[in-house]
């Protein structure tokens, strides 16, 4: 049962095809939209963002029901399914458009994210320090239609075959209680 209240979270952790595929499987997540945020160019195109000169990152915008999944749960999955210790780099994807970033929608998200990153660093969760940036969310631009649900629609695309399954395997193994399919028989 939901209370009808939704919140928004915006994360960037490399190619949005990969990140979207992970968050699409979480219960309490009503929608995941691939897009661009964090830059200065209005209405950027994929080609412009890939060129690395817009300031935007490839991100996903998650609309979620906080009565079913918390912002902290979303951050836990986010940090576990990408490498937050590599600056502007995820796998073979290199450039500021692939930076690890949380674009906070309000001061509460900013404070929660900063405290969470501090916990990760203090606990030496990763081999190196977390370089994920916290940036205010000013504008979110939806990516072109063909990017939406890309992995679901193109599971045999070579990039997807290599990059997405390891993230989904980790998600299923470590976070089964958070999955939409959990408890369904």
N, C-alpha and C. Protein backbone atom coordinates (compact mmCIF):
# COMPACT_ATOMS: atom_id res chain seq x y z
N UNK A 1 0.85 -1.19 0.00
CA UNK A 1 0.00 0.00 0.00
C UNK A 1 0.89 1.24 0.00
N UNK A 2 0.61 2.17 -0.86
CA UNK A 2 1.40 3.39 -0.91
C UNK A 2 0.58 4.54 -0.36
N UNK A 3 1.29 5.55 0.11
CA UNK A 3 0.60 6.72 0.65
C UNK A 3 0.41 7.80 -0.42
N UNK A 4 0.83 7.50 -1.65
CA UNK A 4 0.65 8.44 -2.74
C UNK A 4 1.74 9.49 -2.84
N UNK A 5 2.64 9.55 -1.86
CA UNK A 5 3.71 10.53 -1.88
C UNK A 5 4.92 9.95 -2.60
N UNK A 6 5.46 10.69 -3.54
CA UNK A 6 6.67 10.24 -4.21
C UNK A 6 7.77 11.27 -4.05
N UNK A 7 8.99 10.79 -4.16
CA UNK A 7 10.16 11.65 -4.13
C UNK A 7 11.00 11.33 -5.35
N UNK A 8 12.00 12.16 -5.57
CA UNK A 8 12.86 12.02 -6.73
C UNK A 8 14.31 11.92 -6.27
N UNK A 9 15.08 11.04 -6.92
CA UNK A 9 16.52 10.94 -6.69
C UNK A 9 17.18 10.93 -8.06
N UNK A 10 18.31 11.61 -8.18
CA UNK A 10 19.05 11.66 -9.44
C UNK A 10 20.48 11.23 -9.18
N UNK A 11 20.88 10.14 -9.85
CA UNK A 11 22.21 9.55 -9.69
C UNK A 11 22.88 9.41 -11.04
N UNK A 12 24.19 9.58 -11.04
CA UNK A 12 25.01 9.29 -12.21
C UNK A 12 26.15 8.39 -11.78
N UNK A 13 26.30 7.28 -12.48
CA UNK A 13 27.36 6.33 -12.13
C UNK A 13 27.86 5.62 -13.38
N UNK A 14 28.24 6.40 -14.38
CA UNK A 14 28.66 5.81 -15.65
C UNK A 14 27.53 5.86 -16.65
N UNK A 15 27.56 4.96 -17.59
CA UNK A 15 26.55 4.91 -18.65
C UNK A 15 25.15 4.73 -18.06
N UNK A 16 24.23 5.59 -18.47
CA UNK A 16 22.88 5.51 -17.89
C UNK A 16 22.14 4.23 -18.25
N UNK A 17 22.52 3.56 -19.32
CA UNK A 17 21.87 2.28 -19.65
C UNK A 17 22.06 1.29 -18.51
N UNK A 18 23.24 1.26 -17.95
CA UNK A 18 23.58 0.32 -16.88
C UNK A 18 22.88 0.68 -15.57
N UNK A 19 22.91 1.95 -15.24
CA UNK A 19 22.34 2.40 -13.97
C UNK A 19 20.82 2.24 -13.99
N UNK A 20 20.21 2.58 -15.11
CA UNK A 20 18.76 2.44 -15.25
C UNK A 20 18.32 0.99 -15.05
N UNK A 21 19.05 0.06 -15.63
CA UNK A 21 18.69 -1.36 -15.54
C UNK A 21 18.64 -1.83 -14.09
N UNK A 22 19.55 -1.33 -13.27
CA UNK A 22 19.60 -1.71 -11.86
C UNK A 22 18.38 -1.17 -11.11
N UNK A 23 18.14 0.12 -11.22
CA UNK A 23 17.08 0.75 -10.41
C UNK A 23 15.68 0.40 -10.87
N UNK A 24 15.53 -0.03 -12.12
CA UNK A 24 14.24 -0.47 -12.63
C UNK A 24 13.71 -1.68 -11.86
N UNK A 25 14.58 -2.44 -11.24
CA UNK A 25 14.17 -3.68 -10.56
C UNK A 25 13.80 -3.50 -9.10
N UNK A 26 13.93 -2.29 -8.56
CA UNK A 26 13.69 -2.09 -7.14
C UNK A 26 12.24 -1.79 -6.83
N UNK A 27 11.73 -2.43 -5.78
CA UNK A 27 10.37 -2.15 -5.33
C UNK A 27 10.31 -0.71 -4.81
N UNK A 28 9.17 -0.10 -4.95
CA UNK A 28 9.01 1.28 -4.52
C UNK A 28 9.47 2.29 -5.54
N UNK A 29 10.12 1.80 -6.60
CA UNK A 29 10.55 2.69 -7.68
C UNK A 29 9.44 2.72 -8.72
N UNK A 30 8.85 3.88 -8.90
CA UNK A 30 7.73 4.03 -9.83
C UNK A 30 8.20 4.24 -11.26
N UNK A 31 9.31 4.95 -11.42
CA UNK A 31 9.84 5.19 -12.76
C UNK A 31 11.33 5.50 -12.69
N UNK A 32 12.02 5.18 -13.77
CA UNK A 32 13.43 5.50 -13.93
C UNK A 32 13.57 6.08 -15.34
N UNK A 33 14.09 7.29 -15.42
CA UNK A 33 14.25 7.97 -16.70
C UNK A 33 15.72 8.30 -16.89
N UNK A 34 16.28 7.90 -18.02
CA UNK A 34 17.65 8.25 -18.36
C UNK A 34 17.67 9.68 -18.88
N UNK A 35 18.73 10.41 -18.49
CA UNK A 35 18.82 11.79 -18.95
C UNK A 35 20.16 12.42 -18.65
N UNK A 36 20.13 13.74 -18.64
CA UNK A 36 21.34 14.53 -18.46
C UNK A 36 21.08 15.60 -17.41
N UNK A 37 22.08 15.85 -16.57
CA UNK A 37 21.96 16.89 -15.55
C UNK A 37 23.36 17.28 -15.08
N UNK A 38 23.41 18.43 -14.42
CA UNK A 38 24.65 18.88 -13.82
C UNK A 38 25.49 19.78 -14.70
N UNK A 39 24.99 20.12 -15.87
CA UNK A 39 25.76 20.95 -16.79
C UNK A 39 25.10 22.29 -17.06
N UNK A 40 25.63 22.97 -18.06
CA UNK A 40 25.15 24.32 -18.35
C UNK A 40 24.40 24.44 -19.68
N UNK A 41 24.49 23.44 -20.54
CA UNK A 41 23.84 23.52 -21.85
C UNK A 41 22.36 23.14 -21.72
N UNK A 42 21.50 24.00 -22.26
CA UNK A 42 20.06 23.71 -22.22
C UNK A 42 19.71 22.68 -23.29
N UNK A 43 18.82 21.74 -22.92
CA UNK A 43 18.33 20.72 -23.85
C UNK A 43 19.45 20.03 -24.63
N UNK A 44 20.42 19.46 -23.92
CA UNK A 44 21.55 18.83 -24.61
C UNK A 44 21.13 17.55 -25.33
N UNK A 45 21.89 17.22 -26.37
CA UNK A 45 21.69 15.96 -27.07
C UNK A 45 22.71 14.95 -26.57
N UNK A 46 22.48 13.70 -26.87
CA UNK A 46 23.41 12.64 -26.50
C UNK A 46 24.80 12.92 -27.09
N UNK A 47 24.83 13.32 -28.33
CA UNK A 47 26.10 13.59 -28.99
C UNK A 47 26.85 14.72 -28.29
N UNK A 48 26.13 15.77 -27.87
CA UNK A 48 26.77 16.88 -27.16
C UNK A 48 27.33 16.42 -25.81
N UNK A 49 26.55 15.65 -25.08
CA UNK A 49 26.98 15.18 -23.76
C UNK A 49 28.19 14.25 -23.92
N UNK A 50 28.12 13.34 -24.89
CA UNK A 50 29.25 12.42 -25.14
C UNK A 50 30.52 13.18 -25.50
N UNK A 51 30.38 14.34 -26.09
CA UNK A 51 31.53 15.16 -26.44
C UNK A 51 32.24 15.72 -25.23
N UNK A 52 31.57 15.68 -24.07
CA UNK A 52 32.20 16.09 -22.82
C UNK A 52 32.32 17.58 -22.60
N UNK A 53 31.63 18.39 -23.39
CA UNK A 53 31.78 19.83 -23.24
C UNK A 53 30.53 20.53 -22.71
N UNK A 54 29.54 19.78 -22.26
CA UNK A 54 28.30 20.39 -21.77
C UNK A 54 28.29 20.56 -20.26
N UNK A 55 29.17 19.82 -19.58
CA UNK A 55 29.15 19.80 -18.12
C UNK A 55 28.15 18.79 -17.56
N UNK A 56 27.28 18.27 -18.41
CA UNK A 56 26.27 17.32 -17.96
C UNK A 56 26.86 15.94 -17.74
N UNK A 57 26.24 15.18 -16.86
CA UNK A 57 26.55 13.77 -16.67
C UNK A 57 25.37 12.96 -17.20
N UNK A 58 25.66 11.73 -17.63
CA UNK A 58 24.59 10.79 -17.92
C UNK A 58 24.05 10.36 -16.56
N UNK A 59 22.76 10.56 -16.34
CA UNK A 59 22.15 10.28 -15.04
C UNK A 59 20.82 9.56 -15.22
N UNK A 60 20.30 9.11 -14.11
CA UNK A 60 18.93 8.60 -14.09
C UNK A 60 18.15 9.37 -13.04
N UNK A 61 16.90 9.61 -13.36
CA UNK A 61 15.98 10.26 -12.42
C UNK A 61 15.02 9.17 -11.94
N UNK A 62 15.04 8.93 -10.65
CA UNK A 62 14.23 7.88 -10.03
C UNK A 62 13.07 8.53 -9.30
N UNK A 63 11.86 8.14 -9.65
CA UNK A 63 10.70 8.55 -8.88
C UNK A 63 10.35 7.36 -7.99
N UNK A 64 10.35 7.61 -6.66
CA UNK A 64 10.15 6.49 -5.74
C UNK A 64 9.19 6.84 -4.62
N UNK A 65 8.64 5.80 -4.02
CA UNK A 65 7.71 5.92 -2.90
C UNK A 65 8.51 5.69 -1.62
N UNK A 66 8.75 6.73 -0.83
CA UNK A 66 9.58 6.58 0.37
C UNK A 66 8.96 5.68 1.44
N UNK A 67 7.68 5.35 1.30
CA UNK A 67 7.09 4.41 2.25
C UNK A 67 7.46 2.97 1.90
N UNK A 68 8.01 2.76 0.69
CA UNK A 68 8.42 1.42 0.27
C UNK A 68 9.94 1.25 0.17
N UNK A 69 10.64 2.32 -0.16
CA UNK A 69 12.10 2.28 -0.26
C UNK A 69 12.64 3.65 0.12
N UNK A 70 13.69 3.66 0.91
CA UNK A 70 14.23 4.92 1.40
C UNK A 70 15.32 5.47 0.47
N UNK A 71 15.59 6.74 0.60
CA UNK A 71 16.69 7.36 -0.14
C UNK A 71 18.00 6.67 0.25
N UNK A 72 18.14 6.30 1.51
CA UNK A 72 19.34 5.58 1.96
C UNK A 72 19.47 4.23 1.25
N UNK A 73 18.35 3.50 1.11
CA UNK A 73 18.39 2.22 0.37
C UNK A 73 18.84 2.45 -1.07
N UNK A 74 18.33 3.50 -1.69
CA UNK A 74 18.72 3.81 -3.07
C UNK A 74 20.21 4.11 -3.14
N UNK A 75 20.72 4.88 -2.16
CA UNK A 75 22.16 5.18 -2.15
C UNK A 75 22.98 3.92 -1.91
N UNK A 76 22.50 3.03 -1.06
CA UNK A 76 23.22 1.78 -0.80
C UNK A 76 23.38 0.98 -2.09
N UNK A 77 22.31 0.86 -2.86
CA UNK A 77 22.37 0.14 -4.13
C UNK A 77 23.27 0.90 -5.11
N UNK A 78 23.13 2.20 -5.16
CA UNK A 78 23.94 3.02 -6.06
C UNK A 78 25.44 2.80 -5.82
N UNK A 79 25.87 2.91 -4.58
CA UNK A 79 27.30 2.78 -4.29
C UNK A 79 27.81 1.36 -4.46
N UNK A 80 26.93 0.38 -4.35
CA UNK A 80 27.35 -1.02 -4.49
C UNK A 80 27.42 -1.48 -5.94
N UNK A 81 26.79 -0.74 -6.85
CA UNK A 81 26.69 -1.23 -8.23
C UNK A 81 27.50 -0.39 -9.22
N UNK A 82 28.37 0.47 -8.73
CA UNK A 82 29.34 1.15 -9.59
C UNK A 82 30.57 1.45 -8.73
N UNK A 83 31.63 1.91 -9.36
CA UNK A 83 32.85 2.22 -8.60
C UNK A 83 32.90 3.71 -8.30
N UNK A 84 32.58 4.09 -7.06
CA UNK A 84 32.55 5.51 -6.71
C UNK A 84 33.93 6.08 -6.37
N UNK A 85 34.98 5.30 -6.63
CA UNK A 85 36.34 5.76 -6.30
C UNK A 85 37.13 6.15 -7.54
N UNK A 86 36.54 6.02 -8.71
CA UNK A 86 37.25 6.40 -9.93
C UNK A 86 36.68 7.72 -10.45
N UNK A 87 37.54 8.69 -10.63
CA UNK A 87 37.12 10.02 -11.05
C UNK A 87 36.82 10.03 -12.55
N UNK A 88 35.58 10.38 -12.89
CA UNK A 88 35.17 10.53 -14.29
C UNK A 88 35.46 9.29 -15.12
N UNK A 89 35.17 8.12 -14.52
CA UNK A 89 35.56 6.88 -15.19
C UNK A 89 34.76 5.71 -14.63
N UNK A 90 34.10 4.97 -15.50
CA UNK A 90 33.42 3.72 -15.14
C UNK A 90 33.69 2.74 -16.27
N UNK A 91 34.41 1.67 -15.98
CA UNK A 91 34.74 0.70 -17.02
C UNK A 91 35.50 1.38 -18.15
N UNK A 92 35.02 1.17 -19.38
CA UNK A 92 35.65 1.80 -20.54
C UNK A 92 35.13 3.20 -20.81
N UNK A 93 34.17 3.65 -20.02
CA UNK A 93 33.58 4.97 -20.22
C UNK A 93 34.38 6.01 -19.43
N UNK A 94 34.96 6.97 -20.15
CA UNK A 94 35.82 7.96 -19.53
C UNK A 94 35.37 9.36 -19.91
N UNK A 95 35.32 10.26 -18.94
CA UNK A 95 34.96 11.65 -19.16
C UNK A 95 34.05 12.15 -18.07
N UNK A 96 33.94 13.46 -17.94
CA UNK A 96 33.10 14.03 -16.87
C UNK A 96 31.64 13.63 -17.01
N UNK A 97 31.21 13.27 -18.22
CA UNK A 97 29.82 12.85 -18.41
C UNK A 97 29.53 11.50 -17.74
N UNK A 98 30.58 10.78 -17.32
CA UNK A 98 30.42 9.50 -16.63
C UNK A 98 30.78 9.58 -15.16
N UNK A 99 30.85 10.80 -14.63
CA UNK A 99 31.25 10.96 -13.23
C UNK A 99 30.24 10.32 -12.29
N UNK A 100 30.73 9.95 -11.13
CA UNK A 100 29.87 9.47 -10.06
C UNK A 100 29.32 10.70 -9.36
N UNK A 101 27.99 10.83 -9.38
CA UNK A 101 27.38 12.06 -8.87
C UNK A 101 26.00 11.77 -8.28
N UNK A 102 25.71 12.46 -7.20
CA UNK A 102 24.34 12.53 -6.67
C UNK A 102 23.91 13.98 -6.84
N UNK A 103 22.86 14.18 -7.59
CA UNK A 103 22.29 15.51 -7.77
C UNK A 103 21.11 15.61 -6.81
N UNK A 104 21.33 16.32 -5.71
CA UNK A 104 20.34 16.34 -4.64
C UNK A 104 19.20 17.31 -4.96
N UNK A 105 18.00 16.86 -4.60
CA UNK A 105 16.79 17.65 -4.87
C UNK A 105 16.49 18.64 -3.74
N UNK A 106 17.08 18.41 -2.56
CA UNK A 106 16.82 19.28 -1.41
C UNK A 106 17.95 19.14 -0.39
N UNK A 107 17.92 19.98 0.63
CA UNK A 107 18.99 19.97 1.64
C UNK A 107 19.03 18.64 2.41
N UNK A 108 17.88 18.02 2.62
CA UNK A 108 17.83 16.74 3.34
C UNK A 108 18.61 15.68 2.56
N UNK A 109 18.39 15.60 1.24
CA UNK A 109 19.14 14.64 0.43
C UNK A 109 20.63 14.95 0.46
N UNK A 110 20.98 16.23 0.39
CA UNK A 110 22.40 16.63 0.43
C UNK A 110 23.04 16.17 1.73
N UNK A 111 22.37 16.42 2.85
CA UNK A 111 22.91 16.03 4.17
C UNK A 111 23.01 14.51 4.29
N UNK A 112 21.97 13.80 3.84
CA UNK A 112 21.99 12.33 3.91
C UNK A 112 23.12 11.76 3.06
N UNK A 113 23.30 12.31 1.86
CA UNK A 113 24.33 11.81 0.96
C UNK A 113 25.73 12.10 1.51
N UNK A 114 25.94 13.30 2.05
CA UNK A 114 27.24 13.64 2.63
C UNK A 114 27.56 12.73 3.81
N UNK A 115 26.58 12.47 4.66
CA UNK A 115 26.79 11.58 5.82
C UNK A 115 27.05 10.15 5.36
N UNK A 116 26.37 9.71 4.32
CA UNK A 116 26.55 8.36 3.80
C UNK A 116 27.96 8.18 3.23
N UNK A 117 28.41 9.17 2.46
CA UNK A 117 29.76 9.11 1.90
C UNK A 117 30.80 9.10 3.02
N UNK A 118 30.57 9.88 4.06
CA UNK A 118 31.49 9.90 5.20
C UNK A 118 31.53 8.52 5.86
N UNK A 119 30.37 7.89 6.02
CA UNK A 119 30.32 6.52 6.57
C UNK A 119 31.15 5.56 5.72
N UNK A 120 30.98 5.65 4.40
CA UNK A 120 31.72 4.76 3.50
C UNK A 120 33.22 4.97 3.64
N UNK A 121 33.64 6.24 3.67
CA UNK A 121 35.07 6.54 3.79
C UNK A 121 35.61 6.16 5.17
N UNK A 122 34.88 6.52 6.23
CA UNK A 122 35.33 6.19 7.58
C UNK A 122 35.43 4.68 7.79
N UNK A 123 34.51 3.94 7.18
CA UNK A 123 34.51 2.48 7.31
C UNK A 123 35.44 1.79 6.34
N UNK A 124 36.13 2.59 5.53
CA UNK A 124 37.06 2.04 4.52
C UNK A 124 36.37 0.96 3.68
N UNK A 125 35.14 1.27 3.25
CA UNK A 125 34.33 0.36 2.45
C UNK A 125 35.00 0.02 1.13
N UNK A 126 35.69 1.00 0.56
CA UNK A 126 36.37 0.82 -0.72
C UNK A 126 37.87 0.97 -0.52
N UNK A 127 38.64 0.52 -1.50
CA UNK A 127 40.11 0.60 -1.40
C UNK A 127 40.60 2.03 -1.41
N UNK A 128 39.83 2.93 -2.04
CA UNK A 128 40.21 4.33 -2.09
C UNK A 128 39.06 5.20 -1.61
N UNK A 129 39.30 6.50 -1.51
CA UNK A 129 38.23 7.40 -1.08
C UNK A 129 37.13 7.54 -2.13
N UNK A 130 35.93 7.80 -1.66
CA UNK A 130 34.79 8.03 -2.55
C UNK A 130 34.96 9.40 -3.20
N UNK A 131 34.87 9.45 -4.54
CA UNK A 131 35.00 10.71 -5.27
C UNK A 131 33.65 11.19 -5.82
N UNK A 132 32.58 10.53 -5.43
CA UNK A 132 31.24 10.92 -5.86
C UNK A 132 31.00 12.38 -5.47
N UNK A 133 30.56 13.17 -6.44
CA UNK A 133 30.28 14.57 -6.14
C UNK A 133 28.82 14.74 -5.74
N UNK A 134 28.58 15.74 -4.93
CA UNK A 134 27.22 16.14 -4.56
C UNK A 134 26.98 17.49 -5.22
N UNK A 135 25.97 17.53 -6.07
CA UNK A 135 25.68 18.75 -6.83
C UNK A 135 24.19 19.04 -6.72
N UNK A 136 23.82 20.31 -6.66
CA UNK A 136 22.39 20.64 -6.62
C UNK A 136 21.73 20.31 -7.96
N UNK A 137 20.55 19.77 -7.89
CA UNK A 137 19.78 19.48 -9.10
C UNK A 137 19.07 20.75 -9.52
N UNK A 138 19.46 21.29 -10.66
CA UNK A 138 18.76 22.47 -11.15
C UNK A 138 17.83 22.07 -12.29
N UNK A 139 18.38 21.42 -13.31
CA UNK A 139 17.57 20.97 -14.45
C UNK A 139 17.90 19.52 -14.75
N UNK A 140 16.87 18.78 -15.12
CA UNK A 140 17.04 17.41 -15.60
C UNK A 140 16.45 17.37 -17.00
N UNK A 141 17.22 16.86 -17.93
CA UNK A 141 16.76 16.74 -19.31
C UNK A 141 16.65 15.26 -19.66
N UNK A 142 15.48 14.82 -20.04
CA UNK A 142 15.30 13.43 -20.46
C UNK A 142 16.14 13.15 -21.70
N UNK A 143 16.76 11.99 -21.71
CA UNK A 143 17.52 11.56 -22.88
C UNK A 143 16.55 11.20 -24.00
N UNK A 144 17.07 11.06 -25.18
CA UNK A 144 16.28 10.69 -26.34
C UNK A 144 15.54 9.37 -26.07
N UNK A 145 14.39 9.20 -26.72
CA UNK A 145 13.54 8.03 -26.48
C UNK A 145 14.28 6.71 -26.59
N UNK A 146 15.18 6.59 -27.56
CA UNK A 146 15.84 5.30 -27.76
C UNK A 146 16.75 4.91 -26.59
N UNK A 147 17.07 5.84 -25.69
CA UNK A 147 17.88 5.52 -24.51
C UNK A 147 17.03 4.98 -23.36
N UNK A 148 15.74 5.22 -23.39
CA UNK A 148 14.87 4.80 -22.29
C UNK A 148 14.68 3.29 -22.32
N UNK A 149 14.83 2.67 -21.16
CA UNK A 149 14.69 1.20 -21.04
C UNK A 149 15.62 0.50 -22.04
N UNK A 150 16.80 1.06 -22.22
CA UNK A 150 17.70 0.58 -23.27
C UNK A 150 18.07 -0.89 -23.08
N UNK A 151 18.46 -1.26 -21.86
CA UNK A 151 18.85 -2.65 -21.64
C UNK A 151 17.67 -3.59 -21.83
N UNK A 152 16.51 -3.22 -21.32
CA UNK A 152 15.31 -4.07 -21.47
C UNK A 152 14.98 -4.27 -22.94
N UNK A 153 15.19 -3.24 -23.74
CA UNK A 153 14.87 -3.31 -25.17
C UNK A 153 16.01 -3.83 -26.04
N UNK A 154 17.23 -3.86 -25.50
CA UNK A 154 18.41 -4.25 -26.29
C UNK A 154 19.34 -5.16 -25.47
N UNK A 155 18.85 -6.23 -24.88
CA UNK A 155 19.69 -7.04 -23.99
C UNK A 155 20.86 -7.71 -24.70
N UNK A 156 20.79 -7.86 -26.01
CA UNK A 156 21.86 -8.55 -26.73
C UNK A 156 22.84 -7.58 -27.38
N UNK A 157 22.66 -6.28 -27.14
CA UNK A 157 23.62 -5.30 -27.63
C UNK A 157 24.94 -5.60 -26.93
N UNK A 158 26.06 -5.70 -27.65
CA UNK A 158 27.33 -6.13 -27.06
C UNK A 158 27.76 -5.38 -25.80
N UNK A 159 27.66 -4.06 -25.80
CA UNK A 159 28.03 -3.28 -24.61
C UNK A 159 27.19 -3.72 -23.42
N UNK A 160 25.88 -3.85 -23.63
CA UNK A 160 24.98 -4.24 -22.56
C UNK A 160 25.29 -5.64 -22.05
N UNK A 161 25.60 -6.55 -22.97
CA UNK A 161 25.90 -7.93 -22.56
C UNK A 161 27.10 -7.99 -21.63
N UNK A 162 28.06 -7.12 -21.84
CA UNK A 162 29.27 -7.12 -21.02
C UNK A 162 29.06 -6.34 -19.72
N UNK A 163 28.43 -5.18 -19.79
CA UNK A 163 28.40 -4.25 -18.66
C UNK A 163 27.24 -4.44 -17.67
N UNK A 164 26.07 -4.81 -18.15
CA UNK A 164 24.90 -4.82 -17.28
C UNK A 164 24.77 -6.08 -16.42
N UNK A 165 24.94 -7.29 -16.95
CA UNK A 165 24.73 -8.48 -16.11
C UNK A 165 25.53 -8.52 -14.80
N UNK A 166 26.80 -8.10 -14.77
CA UNK A 166 27.49 -8.11 -13.47
C UNK A 166 26.82 -7.21 -12.43
N UNK A 167 26.30 -6.07 -12.87
CA UNK A 167 25.61 -5.17 -11.94
C UNK A 167 24.30 -5.81 -11.45
N UNK A 168 23.56 -6.43 -12.37
CA UNK A 168 22.30 -7.08 -11.98
C UNK A 168 22.56 -8.29 -11.09
N UNK A 169 23.61 -9.04 -11.36
CA UNK A 169 23.95 -10.18 -10.50
C UNK A 169 24.24 -9.72 -9.08
N UNK A 170 25.00 -8.65 -8.95
CA UNK A 170 25.31 -8.10 -7.63
C UNK A 170 24.03 -7.63 -6.95
N UNK A 171 23.18 -6.96 -7.71
CA UNK A 171 21.91 -6.47 -7.17
C UNK A 171 21.09 -7.64 -6.63
N UNK A 172 20.95 -8.69 -7.43
CA UNK A 172 20.13 -9.84 -7.03
C UNK A 172 20.72 -10.57 -5.83
N UNK A 173 22.03 -10.65 -5.78
CA UNK A 173 22.69 -11.37 -4.69
C UNK A 173 22.66 -10.58 -3.38
N UNK A 174 22.97 -9.29 -3.45
CA UNK A 174 23.11 -8.49 -2.23
C UNK A 174 21.83 -7.79 -1.78
N UNK A 175 20.90 -7.58 -2.69
CA UNK A 175 19.74 -6.74 -2.35
C UNK A 175 18.41 -7.39 -2.72
N UNK A 176 18.33 -8.71 -2.61
CA UNK A 176 17.11 -9.40 -3.04
C UNK A 176 15.86 -8.90 -2.31
N UNK A 177 16.00 -8.47 -1.07
CA UNK A 177 14.85 -8.00 -0.31
C UNK A 177 14.29 -6.68 -0.86
N UNK A 178 15.08 -5.98 -1.66
CA UNK A 178 14.63 -4.71 -2.21
C UNK A 178 14.03 -4.83 -3.60
N UNK A 179 14.04 -6.03 -4.17
CA UNK A 179 13.58 -6.21 -5.53
C UNK A 179 12.06 -6.28 -5.64
N UNK A 180 11.55 -5.80 -6.75
CA UNK A 180 10.11 -5.89 -7.02
C UNK A 180 9.64 -7.32 -7.00
N UNK A 181 10.50 -8.23 -7.45
CA UNK A 181 10.12 -9.65 -7.54
C UNK A 181 10.20 -10.37 -6.20
N UNK A 182 10.77 -9.72 -5.16
CA UNK A 182 10.93 -10.38 -3.86
C UNK A 182 9.56 -10.71 -3.27
N UNK A 183 9.43 -11.95 -2.85
CA UNK A 183 8.21 -12.38 -2.20
C UNK A 183 7.10 -12.78 -3.14
N UNK A 184 7.32 -12.62 -4.44
CA UNK A 184 6.30 -13.06 -5.40
C UNK A 184 6.59 -14.50 -5.77
N UNK A 185 5.57 -15.30 -5.81
CA UNK A 185 5.84 -16.69 -6.03
C UNK A 185 5.38 -17.27 -7.26
